[in-house]
All heavy atoms as atom14 arrays in JSON, in Angstrom:
{
  "sequence": "ESGAITWGSGIHVVRGAIYPVWTRSGSEAGVYGGPTTDIYRSGSA",
  "atom14_mask": [
    [1, 1, 1, 1, 1, 1, 1, 1, 1, 0, 0, 0, 0, 0],
    [1, 1, 1, 1, 1, 1, 0, 0, 0, 0, 0, 0, 0, 0],
    [1, 1, 1, 1, 0, 0, 0, 0, 0, 0, 0, 0, 0, 0],
    [1, 1, 1, 1, 1, 0, 0, 0, 0, 0, 0, 0, 0, 0],
    [1, 1, 1, 1, 1, 1, 1, 1, 0, 0, 0, 0, 0, 0],
    [1, 1, 1, 1, 1, 1, 1, 0, 0, 0, 0, 0, 0, 0],
    [1, 1, 1, 1, 1, 1, 1, 1, 1, 1, 1, 1, 1, 1],
    [1, 1, 1, 1, 0, 0, 0, 0, 0, 0, 0, 0, 0, 0],
    [1, 1, 1, 1, 1, 1, 0, 0, 0, 0, 0, 0, 0, 0],
    [1, 1, 1, 1, 0, 0, 0, 0, 0, 0, 0, 0, 0, 0],
    [1, 1, 1, 1, 1, 1, 1, 1, 0, 0, 0, 0, 0, 0],
    [1, 1, 1, 1, 1, 1, 1, 1, 1, 1, 0, 0, 0, 0],
    [1, 1, 1, 1, 1, 1, 1, 0, 0, 0, 0, 0, 0, 0],
    [1, 1, 1, 1, 1, 1, 1, 0, 0, 0, 0, 0, 0, 0],
    [1, 1, 1, 1, 1, 1, 1, 1, 1, 1, 1, 0, 0, 0],
    [1, 1, 1, 1, 0, 0, 0, 0, 0, 0, 0, 0, 0, 0],
    [1, 1, 1, 1, 1, 0, 0, 0, 0, 0, 0, 0, 0, 0],
    [1, 1, 1, 1, 1, 1, 1, 1, 0, 0, 0, 0, 0, 0],
    [1, 1, 1, 1, 1, 1, 1, 1, 1, 1, 1, 1, 0, 0],
    [1, 1, 1, 1, 1, 1, 1, 0, 0, 0, 0, 0, 0, 0],
    [1, 1, 1, 1, 1, 1, 1, 0, 0, 0, 0, 0, 0, 0],
    [1, 1, 1, 1, 1, 1, 1, 1, 1, 1, 1, 1, 1, 1],
    [1, 1, 1, 1, 1, 1, 1, 0, 0, 0, 0, 0, 0, 0],
    [1, 1, 1, 1, 1, 1, 1, 1, 1, 1, 1, 0, 0, 0],
    [1, 1, 1, 1, 1, 1, 0, 0, 0, 0, 0, 0, 0, 0],
    [1, 1, 1, 1, 0, 0, 0, 0, 0, 0, 0, 0, 0, 0],
    [1, 1, 1, 1, 1, 1, 0, 0, 0, 0, 0, 0, 0, 0],
    [1, 1, 1, 1, 1, 1, 1, 1, 1, 0, 0, 0, 0, 0],
    [1, 1, 1, 1, 1, 0, 0, 0, 0, 0, 0, 0, 0, 0],
    [1, 1, 1, 1, 0, 0, 0, 0, 0, 0, 0, 0, 0, 0],
    [1, 1, 1, 1, 1, 1, 1, 0, 0, 0, 0, 0, 0, 0],
    [1, 1, 1, 1, 1, 1, 1, 1, 1, 1, 1, 1, 0, 0],
    [1, 1, 1, 1, 0, 0, 0, 0, 0, 0, 0, 0, 0, 0],
    [1, 1, 1, 1, 0, 0, 0, 0, 0, 0, 0, 0, 0, 0],
    [1, 1, 1, 1, 1, 1, 1, 0, 0, 0, 0, 0, 0, 0],
    [1, 1, 1, 1, 1, 1, 1, 0, 0, 0, 0, 0, 0, 0],
    [1, 1, 1, 1, 1, 1, 1, 0, 0, 0, 0, 0, 0, 0],
    [1, 1, 1, 1, 1, 1, 1, 1, 0, 0, 0, 0, 0, 0],
    [1, 1, 1, 1, 1, 1, 1, 1, 0, 0, 0, 0, 0, 0],
    [1, 1, 1, 1, 1, 1, 1, 1, 1, 1, 1, 1, 0, 0],
    [1, 1, 1, 1, 1, 1, 1, 1, 1, 1, 1, 0, 0, 0],
    [1, 1, 1, 1, 1, 1, 0, 0, 0, 0, 0, 0, 0, 0],
    [1, 1, 1, 1, 0, 0, 0, 0, 0, 0, 0, 0, 0, 0],
    [1, 1, 1, 1, 1, 1, 0, 0, 0, 0, 0, 0, 0, 0],
    [1, 1, 1, 1, 1, 0, 0, 0, 0, 0, 0, 0, 0, 0]
  ],
  "atom14_positions": [
    [[104.58, 104.33, 111.29], [104.47, 105.76, 110.97], [103.25, 106.06, 110.1], [102.69, 107.16, 110.14], [105.74, 106.26, 110.26], [107.02, 106.11, 111.09], [107.1, 107.07, 112.27], [106.15, 107.86, 112.45], [108.09, 107.0, 113.02], [0.0, 0.0, 0.0], [0.0, 0.0, 0.0], [0.0, 0.0, 0.0], [0.0, 0.0, 0.0], [0.0, 0.0, 0.0]],
    [[102.83, 105.09, 109.3], [101.71, 105.34, 108.37], [100.55, 104.38, 108.58], [99.72, 104.21, 107.68], [102.2, 105.23, 106.92], [103.26, 106.13, 106.66], [0.0, 0.0, 0.0], [0.0, 0.0, 0.0], [0.0, 0.0, 0.0], [0.0, 0.0, 0.0], [0.0, 0.0, 0.0], [0.0, 0.0, 0.0], [0.0, 0.0, 0.0], [0.0, 0.0, 0.0]],
    [[100.46, 103.75, 109.74], [99.36, 102.84, 109.95], [99.54, 101.97, 111.17], [100.44, 102.19, 111.99], [0.0, 0.0, 0.0], [0.0, 0.0, 0.0], [0.0, 0.0, 0.0], [0.0, 0.0, 0.0], [0.0, 0.0, 0.0], [0.0, 0.0, 0.0], [0.0, 0.0, 0.0], [0.0, 0.0, 0.0], [0.0, 0.0, 0.0], [0.0, 0.0, 0.0]],
    [[98.68, 100.97, 111.29], [98.75, 100.02, 112.4], [98.31, 98.66, 111.9], [97.53, 98.54, 110.95], [97.87, 100.47, 113.56], [0.0, 0.0, 0.0], [0.0, 0.0, 0.0], [0.0, 0.0, 0.0], [0.0, 0.0, 0.0], [0.0, 0.0, 0.0], [0.0, 0.0, 0.0], [0.0, 0.0, 0.0], [0.0, 0.0, 0.0], [0.0, 0.0, 0.0]],
    [[98.83, 97.63, 112.55], [98.39, 96.25, 112.27], [97.96, 95.65, 113.59], [98.7, 95.66, 114.57], [99.51, 95.4, 111.62], [100.0, 96.06, 110.33], [99.01, 93.99, 111.34], [101.15, 95.32, 109.66], [0.0, 0.0, 0.0], [0.0, 0.0, 0.0], [0.0, 0.0, 0.0], [0.0, 0.0, 0.0], [0.0, 0.0, 0.0], [0.0, 0.0, 0.0]],
    [[96.73, 95.13, 113.63], [96.18, 94.61, 114.86], [95.94, 93.11, 114.78], [95.76, 92.54, 113.7], [94.83, 95.31, 115.18], [93.84, 94.91, 114.2], [94.97, 96.82, 115.16], [0.0, 0.0, 0.0], [0.0, 0.0, 0.0], [0.0, 0.0, 0.0], [0.0, 0.0, 0.0], [0.0, 0.0, 0.0], [0.0, 0.0, 0.0], [0.0, 0.0, 0.0]],
    [[95.91, 92.49, 115.96], [95.57, 91.06, 116.06], [94.5, 90.9, 117.13], [94.65, 91.36, 118.26], [96.79, 90.25, 116.44], [96.45, 88.79, 116.74], [95.92, 87.9, 115.87], [96.57, 88.13, 117.99], [95.73, 86.68, 116.51], [96.12, 86.79, 117.83], [97.03, 88.51, 119.26], [96.11, 85.87, 118.85], [97.03, 87.58, 120.29], [96.56, 86.27, 120.07]],
    [[93.41, 90.32, 116.76], [92.3, 90.06, 117.67], [91.3, 89.21, 116.93], [91.36, 87.99, 116.95], [0.0, 0.0, 0.0], [0.0, 0.0, 0.0], [0.0, 0.0, 0.0], [0.0, 0.0, 0.0], [0.0, 0.0, 0.0], [0.0, 0.0, 0.0], [0.0, 0.0, 0.0], [0.0, 0.0, 0.0], [0.0, 0.0, 0.0], [0.0, 0.0, 0.0]],
    [[90.38, 89.88, 116.22], [89.46, 89.12, 115.33], [90.18, 88.97, 114.0], [89.8, 89.56, 112.98], [88.16, 89.9, 115.17], [88.42, 91.22, 114.71], [0.0, 0.0, 0.0], [0.0, 0.0, 0.0], [0.0, 0.0, 0.0], [0.0, 0.0, 0.0], [0.0, 0.0, 0.0], [0.0, 0.0, 0.0], [0.0, 0.0, 0.0], [0.0, 0.0, 0.0]],
    [[91.24, 88.23, 113.99], [92.09, 88.1, 112.82], [93.18, 89.17, 112.86], [93.25, 89.98, 113.78], [0.0, 0.0, 0.0], [0.0, 0.0, 0.0], [0.0, 0.0, 0.0], [0.0, 0.0, 0.0], [0.0, 0.0, 0.0], [0.0, 0.0, 0.0], [0.0, 0.0, 0.0], [0.0, 0.0, 0.0], [0.0, 0.0, 0.0], [0.0, 0.0, 0.0]],
    [[94.01, 89.18, 111.83], [95.07, 90.19, 111.7], [94.67, 91.15, 110.61], [94.43, 90.74, 109.48], [96.42, 89.52, 111.39], [96.84, 88.63, 112.56], [97.49, 90.59, 111.1], [98.1, 87.84, 112.35], [0.0, 0.0, 0.0], [0.0, 0.0, 0.0], [0.0, 0.0, 0.0], [0.0, 0.0, 0.0], [0.0, 0.0, 0.0], [0.0, 0.0, 0.0]],
    [[94.59, 92.45, 110.94], [94.08, 93.43, 110.02], [94.94, 94.68, 110.0], [95.54, 95.04, 111.02], [92.64, 93.8, 110.36], [91.7, 92.64, 110.33], [91.42, 91.94, 109.18], [91.0, 92.02, 111.33], [90.58, 90.96, 109.45], [90.31, 90.98, 110.75], [0.0, 0.0, 0.0], [0.0, 0.0, 0.0], [0.0, 0.0, 0.0], [0.0, 0.0, 0.0]],
    [[94.99, 95.33, 108.84], [95.81, 96.51, 108.62], [94.92, 97.75, 108.5], [93.91, 97.72, 107.79], [96.64, 96.35, 107.32], [97.47, 97.59, 107.06], [97.52, 95.1, 107.41], [0.0, 0.0, 0.0], [0.0, 0.0, 0.0], [0.0, 0.0, 0.0], [0.0, 0.0, 0.0], [0.0, 0.0, 0.0], [0.0, 0.0, 0.0], [0.0, 0.0, 0.0]],
    [[95.29, 98.82, 109.2], [94.62, 100.09, 109.06], [95.66, 101.07, 108.51], [96.7, 101.27, 109.14], [94.08, 100.63, 110.41], [93.23, 101.88, 110.15], [93.26, 99.56, 111.12], [0.0, 0.0, 0.0], [0.0, 0.0, 0.0], [0.0, 0.0, 0.0], [0.0, 0.0, 0.0], [0.0, 0.0, 0.0], [0.0, 0.0, 0.0], [0.0, 0.0, 0.0]],
    [[95.39, 101.69, 107.37], [96.32, 102.63, 106.79], [95.59, 103.53, 105.8], [94.38, 103.46, 105.66], [97.48, 101.89, 106.09], [97.04, 100.95, 104.98], [98.27, 100.29, 104.35], [97.92, 99.3, 103.34], [98.56, 99.15, 102.19], [99.55, 99.96, 101.89], [98.21, 98.21, 101.35], [0.0, 0.0, 0.0], [0.0, 0.0, 0.0], [0.0, 0.0, 0.0]],
    [[96.34, 104.36, 105.1], [95.76, 105.25, 104.12], [94.89, 106.29, 104.78], [95.07, 106.69, 105.93], [0.0, 0.0, 0.0], [0.0, 0.0, 0.0], [0.0, 0.0, 0.0], [0.0, 0.0, 0.0], [0.0, 0.0, 0.0], [0.0, 0.0, 0.0], [0.0, 0.0, 0.0], [0.0, 0.0, 0.0], [0.0, 0.0, 0.0], [0.0, 0.0, 0.0]],
    [[93.9, 106.82, 104.05], [93.05, 107.91, 104.51], [92.2, 107.5, 105.71], [91.79, 108.36, 106.52], [92.16, 108.39, 103.37], [0.0, 0.0, 0.0], [0.0, 0.0, 0.0], [0.0, 0.0, 0.0], [0.0, 0.0, 0.0], [0.0, 0.0, 0.0], [0.0, 0.0, 0.0], [0.0, 0.0, 0.0], [0.0, 0.0, 0.0], [0.0, 0.0, 0.0]],
    [[91.89, 106.22, 105.85], [91.09, 105.77, 106.99], [91.88, 105.81, 108.3], [91.31, 106.04, 109.36], [90.54, 104.35, 106.71], [89.46, 104.42, 105.62], [90.01, 103.67, 107.96], [88.93, 103.07, 105.18], [0.0, 0.0, 0.0], [0.0, 0.0, 0.0], [0.0, 0.0, 0.0], [0.0, 0.0, 0.0], [0.0, 0.0, 0.0], [0.0, 0.0, 0.0]],
    [[93.18, 105.65, 108.22], [94.02, 105.57, 109.43], [93.92, 106.81, 110.32], [93.67, 106.7, 111.53], [95.46, 105.28, 109.02], [96.44, 105.31, 110.16], [96.34, 104.39, 111.22], [97.49, 106.24, 110.18], [97.25, 104.4, 112.28], [98.41, 106.25, 111.22], [98.29, 105.35, 112.27], [99.19, 105.36, 113.3], [0.0, 0.0, 0.0], [0.0, 0.0, 0.0]],
    [[94.08, 108.07, 109.82], [94.0, 109.23, 110.7], [92.61, 109.4, 111.31], [92.49, 109.89, 112.45], [94.39, 110.4, 109.81], [94.21, 109.94, 108.41], [94.48, 108.47, 108.45], [0.0, 0.0, 0.0], [0.0, 0.0, 0.0], [0.0, 0.0, 0.0], [0.0, 0.0, 0.0], [0.0, 0.0, 0.0], [0.0, 0.0, 0.0], [0.0, 0.0, 0.0]],
    [[91.56, 109.03, 110.58], [90.2, 109.12, 111.16], [90.09, 108.18, 112.34], [89.55, 108.54, 113.42], [89.15, 108.76, 110.08], [87.75, 108.76, 110.69], [89.24, 109.74, 108.92], [0.0, 0.0, 0.0], [0.0, 0.0, 0.0], [0.0, 0.0, 0.0], [0.0, 0.0, 0.0], [0.0, 0.0, 0.0], [0.0, 0.0, 0.0], [0.0, 0.0, 0.0]],
    [[90.58, 107.0, 112.18], [90.55, 105.99, 113.24], [91.35, 106.43, 114.46], [90.9, 106.32, 115.6], [91.08, 104.67, 112.67], [91.06, 103.52, 113.62], [89.97, 102.91, 114.18], [92.21, 102.8, 114.09], [90.37, 101.86, 114.96], [91.74, 101.77, 114.94], [93.58, 102.9, 113.89], [92.58, 100.87, 115.57], [94.44, 102.01, 114.52], [93.94, 101.0, 115.34]],
    [[92.57, 106.98, 114.23], [93.4, 107.37, 115.36], [92.82, 108.57, 116.1], [92.88, 108.64, 117.34], [94.83, 107.7, 114.9], [94.8, 108.76, 113.94], [95.51, 106.49, 114.3], [0.0, 0.0, 0.0], [0.0, 0.0, 0.0], [0.0, 0.0, 0.0], [0.0, 0.0, 0.0], [0.0, 0.0, 0.0], [0.0, 0.0, 0.0], [0.0, 0.0, 0.0]],
    [[92.2, 109.5, 115.38], [91.6, 110.67, 116.06], [90.41, 110.28, 116.9], [90.03, 110.98, 117.84], [91.2, 111.7, 115.0], [92.39, 112.35, 114.33], [91.98, 113.33, 113.26], [91.39, 114.55, 113.82], [91.09, 115.62, 113.07], [91.29, 115.6, 111.76], [90.58, 116.69, 113.65], [0.0, 0.0, 0.0], [0.0, 0.0, 0.0], [0.0, 0.0, 0.0]],
    [[89.81, 109.13, 116.58], [88.68, 108.67, 117.39], [89.14, 107.93, 118.64], [88.32, 107.56, 119.48], [87.81, 107.72, 116.55], [88.44, 106.45, 116.43], [0.0, 0.0, 0.0], [0.0, 0.0, 0.0], [0.0, 0.0, 0.0], [0.0, 0.0, 0.0], [0.0, 0.0, 0.0], [0.0, 0.0, 0.0], [0.0, 0.0, 0.0], [0.0, 0.0, 0.0]],
    [[90.43, 107.69, 118.77], [90.94, 106.93, 119.91], [91.44, 105.56, 119.53], [91.71, 104.72, 120.39], [0.0, 0.0, 0.0], [0.0, 0.0, 0.0], [0.0, 0.0, 0.0], [0.0, 0.0, 0.0], [0.0, 0.0, 0.0], [0.0, 0.0, 0.0], [0.0, 0.0, 0.0], [0.0, 0.0, 0.0], [0.0, 0.0, 0.0], [0.0, 0.0, 0.0]],
    [[91.55, 105.29, 118.22], [92.0, 104.0, 117.68], [91.21, 102.84, 118.3], [89.99, 102.94, 118.43], [93.52, 103.83, 117.82], [93.92, 103.89, 119.15], [0.0, 0.0, 0.0], [0.0, 0.0, 0.0], [0.0, 0.0, 0.0], [0.0, 0.0, 0.0], [0.0, 0.0, 0.0], [0.0, 0.0, 0.0], [0.0, 0.0, 0.0], [0.0, 0.0, 0.0]],
    [[91.87, 101.76, 118.71], [91.13, 100.59, 119.15], [90.38, 100.83, 120.44], [89.41, 100.12, 120.77], [92.08, 99.37, 119.27], [92.84, 99.25, 120.57], [94.05, 100.16, 120.7], [94.18, 101.12, 119.9], [94.85, 99.94, 121.6], [0.0, 0.0, 0.0], [0.0, 0.0, 0.0], [0.0, 0.0, 0.0], [0.0, 0.0, 0.0], [0.0, 0.0, 0.0]],
    [[90.79, 101.83, 121.22], [90.13, 102.15, 122.49], [88.99, 103.16, 122.31], [88.32, 103.52, 123.28], [91.14, 102.7, 123.5], [0.0, 0.0, 0.0], [0.0, 0.0, 0.0], [0.0, 0.0, 0.0], [0.0, 0.0, 0.0], [0.0, 0.0, 0.0], [0.0, 0.0, 0.0], [0.0, 0.0, 0.0], [0.0, 0.0, 0.0], [0.0, 0.0, 0.0]],
    [[88.78, 103.62, 121.07], [87.8, 104.65, 120.83], [86.44, 104.12, 120.39], [86.12, 102.93, 120.56], [0.0, 0.0, 0.0], [0.0, 0.0, 0.0], [0.0, 0.0, 0.0], [0.0, 0.0, 0.0], [0.0, 0.0, 0.0], [0.0, 0.0, 0.0], [0.0, 0.0, 0.0], [0.0, 0.0, 0.0], [0.0, 0.0, 0.0], [0.0, 0.0, 0.0]],
    [[85.67, 105.01, 119.78], [84.28, 104.71, 119.44], [84.15, 103.59, 118.44], [83.19, 102.81, 118.47], [83.57, 105.99, 118.94], [84.19, 106.49, 117.66], [82.07, 105.74, 118.75], [0.0, 0.0, 0.0], [0.0, 0.0, 0.0], [0.0, 0.0, 0.0], [0.0, 0.0, 0.0], [0.0, 0.0, 0.0], [0.0, 0.0, 0.0], [0.0, 0.0, 0.0]],
    [[85.12, 103.48, 117.52], [84.99, 102.47, 116.48], [85.5, 101.09, 116.91], [85.05, 100.05, 116.45], [85.77, 102.89, 115.22], [85.37, 104.24, 114.69], [86.32, 105.19, 114.36], [84.03, 104.56, 114.52], [85.96, 106.44, 113.88], [83.65, 105.8, 114.04], [84.62, 106.74, 113.73], [84.25, 107.97, 113.25], [0.0, 0.0, 0.0], [0.0, 0.0, 0.0]],
    [[86.49, 101.06, 117.83], [87.12, 99.82, 118.21], [88.14, 99.39, 117.17], [88.52, 100.16, 116.27], [0.0, 0.0, 0.0], [0.0, 0.0, 0.0], [0.0, 0.0, 0.0], [0.0, 0.0, 0.0], [0.0, 0.0, 0.0], [0.0, 0.0, 0.0], [0.0, 0.0, 0.0], [0.0, 0.0, 0.0], [0.0, 0.0, 0.0], [0.0, 0.0, 0.0]],
    [[88.61, 98.17, 117.27], [89.61, 97.68, 116.35], [89.01, 97.21, 115.04], [87.8, 96.94, 114.97], [0.0, 0.0, 0.0], [0.0, 0.0, 0.0], [0.0, 0.0, 0.0], [0.0, 0.0, 0.0], [0.0, 0.0, 0.0], [0.0, 0.0, 0.0], [0.0, 0.0, 0.0], [0.0, 0.0, 0.0], [0.0, 0.0, 0.0], [0.0, 0.0, 0.0]],
    [[89.83, 97.08, 113.98], [89.29, 96.62, 112.71], [88.89, 95.14, 112.74], [89.52, 94.33, 113.43], [90.46, 96.84, 111.74], [91.67, 96.71, 112.62], [91.28, 97.32, 113.93], [0.0, 0.0, 0.0], [0.0, 0.0, 0.0], [0.0, 0.0, 0.0], [0.0, 0.0, 0.0], [0.0, 0.0, 0.0], [0.0, 0.0, 0.0], [0.0, 0.0, 0.0]],
    [[87.84, 94.81, 112.01], [87.44, 93.41, 111.87], [87.61, 92.92, 110.43], [87.35, 91.75, 110.14], [85.96, 93.22, 112.29], [85.14, 94.09, 111.53], [85.8, 93.53, 113.78], [0.0, 0.0, 0.0], [0.0, 0.0, 0.0], [0.0, 0.0, 0.0], [0.0, 0.0, 0.0], [0.0, 0.0, 0.0], [0.0, 0.0, 0.0], [0.0, 0.0, 0.0]],
    [[88.02, 93.83, 109.56], [88.34, 93.47, 108.16], [89.52, 94.32, 107.74], [89.86, 95.31, 108.41], [87.19, 93.76, 107.17], [87.02, 95.2, 107.06], [85.9, 93.12, 107.59], [0.0, 0.0, 0.0], [0.0, 0.0, 0.0], [0.0, 0.0, 0.0], [0.0, 0.0, 0.0], [0.0, 0.0, 0.0], [0.0, 0.0, 0.0], [0.0, 0.0, 0.0]],
    [[90.17, 93.95, 106.66], [91.09, 94.84, 105.99], [90.28, 95.82, 105.16], [89.06, 95.69, 105.03], [92.06, 94.07, 105.1], [93.09, 93.29, 105.91], [93.44, 93.74, 107.03], [93.53, 92.23, 105.44], [0.0, 0.0, 0.0], [0.0, 0.0, 0.0], [0.0, 0.0, 0.0], [0.0, 0.0, 0.0], [0.0, 0.0, 0.0], [0.0, 0.0, 0.0]],
    [[90.93, 96.79, 104.55], [90.26, 97.71, 103.64], [89.8, 96.93, 102.42], [90.54, 96.1, 101.88], [91.2, 98.86, 103.25], [91.58, 99.67, 104.48], [90.57, 99.75, 102.19], [92.68, 100.69, 104.25], [0.0, 0.0, 0.0], [0.0, 0.0, 0.0], [0.0, 0.0, 0.0], [0.0, 0.0, 0.0], [0.0, 0.0, 0.0], [0.0, 0.0, 0.0]],
    [[88.56, 97.16, 101.96], [88.06, 96.45, 100.81], [87.32, 97.43, 99.91], [86.89, 98.52, 100.33], [87.14, 95.31, 101.23], [85.91, 95.73, 102.03], [84.69, 96.02, 101.41], [85.99, 95.83, 103.42], [83.58, 96.38, 102.14], [84.89, 96.22, 104.17], [83.66, 96.49, 103.53], [82.58, 96.87, 104.26], [0.0, 0.0, 0.0], [0.0, 0.0, 0.0]],
    [[87.19, 97.05, 98.64], [86.52, 97.92, 97.66], [85.04, 97.61, 97.62], [84.63, 96.44, 97.62], [87.15, 97.74, 96.28], [86.53, 98.65, 95.21], [87.25, 98.47, 93.87], [88.6, 98.94, 93.95], [88.98, 100.22, 93.86], [88.06, 101.17, 93.75], [90.25, 100.55, 93.9], [0.0, 0.0, 0.0], [0.0, 0.0, 0.0], [0.0, 0.0, 0.0]],
    [[84.22, 98.67, 97.54], [82.79, 98.52, 97.36], [82.38, 99.55, 96.31], [82.25, 100.73, 96.6], [82.03, 98.78, 98.68], [80.64, 98.7, 98.48], [0.0, 0.0, 0.0], [0.0, 0.0, 0.0], [0.0, 0.0, 0.0], [0.0, 0.0, 0.0], [0.0, 0.0, 0.0], [0.0, 0.0, 0.0], [0.0, 0.0, 0.0], [0.0, 0.0, 0.0]],
    [[82.22, 99.1, 95.06], [81.98, 100.03, 93.97], [83.22, 100.89, 93.77], [84.33, 100.39, 93.64], [0.0, 0.0, 0.0], [0.0, 0.0, 0.0], [0.0, 0.0, 0.0], [0.0, 0.0, 0.0], [0.0, 0.0, 0.0], [0.0, 0.0, 0.0], [0.0, 0.0, 0.0], [0.0, 0.0, 0.0], [0.0, 0.0, 0.0], [0.0, 0.0, 0.0]],
    [[83.02, 102.22, 93.79], [84.17, 103.12, 93.66], [84.74, 103.54, 94.99], [85.71, 104.3, 95.05], [83.73, 104.37, 92.87], [82.69, 105.06, 93.58], [0.0, 0.0, 0.0], [0.0, 0.0, 0.0], [0.0, 0.0, 0.0], [0.0, 0.0, 0.0], [0.0, 0.0, 0.0], [0.0, 0.0, 0.0], [0.0, 0.0, 0.0], [0.0, 0.0, 0.0]],
    [[84.15, 103.07, 96.08], [84.6, 103.46, 97.43], [85.49, 102.39, 98.04], [85.48, 101.23, 97.62], [83.37, 103.69, 98.31], [0.0, 0.0, 0.0], [0.0, 0.0, 0.0], [0.0, 0.0, 0.0], [0.0, 0.0, 0.0], [0.0, 0.0, 0.0], [0.0, 0.0, 0.0], [0.0, 0.0, 0.0], [0.0, 0.0, 0.0], [0.0, 0.0, 0.0]]
  ]
}
């Protein structure tokens, strides 16, 4: 209900604010494809 977990290039979780952006793009079949990392911090982002 609040995300997805994929298996391909490893097992990765998509959730939080990034999840609806990903799903609106078509999720794994869309422009971005499936995740290749989990969510990670980069500075304050």
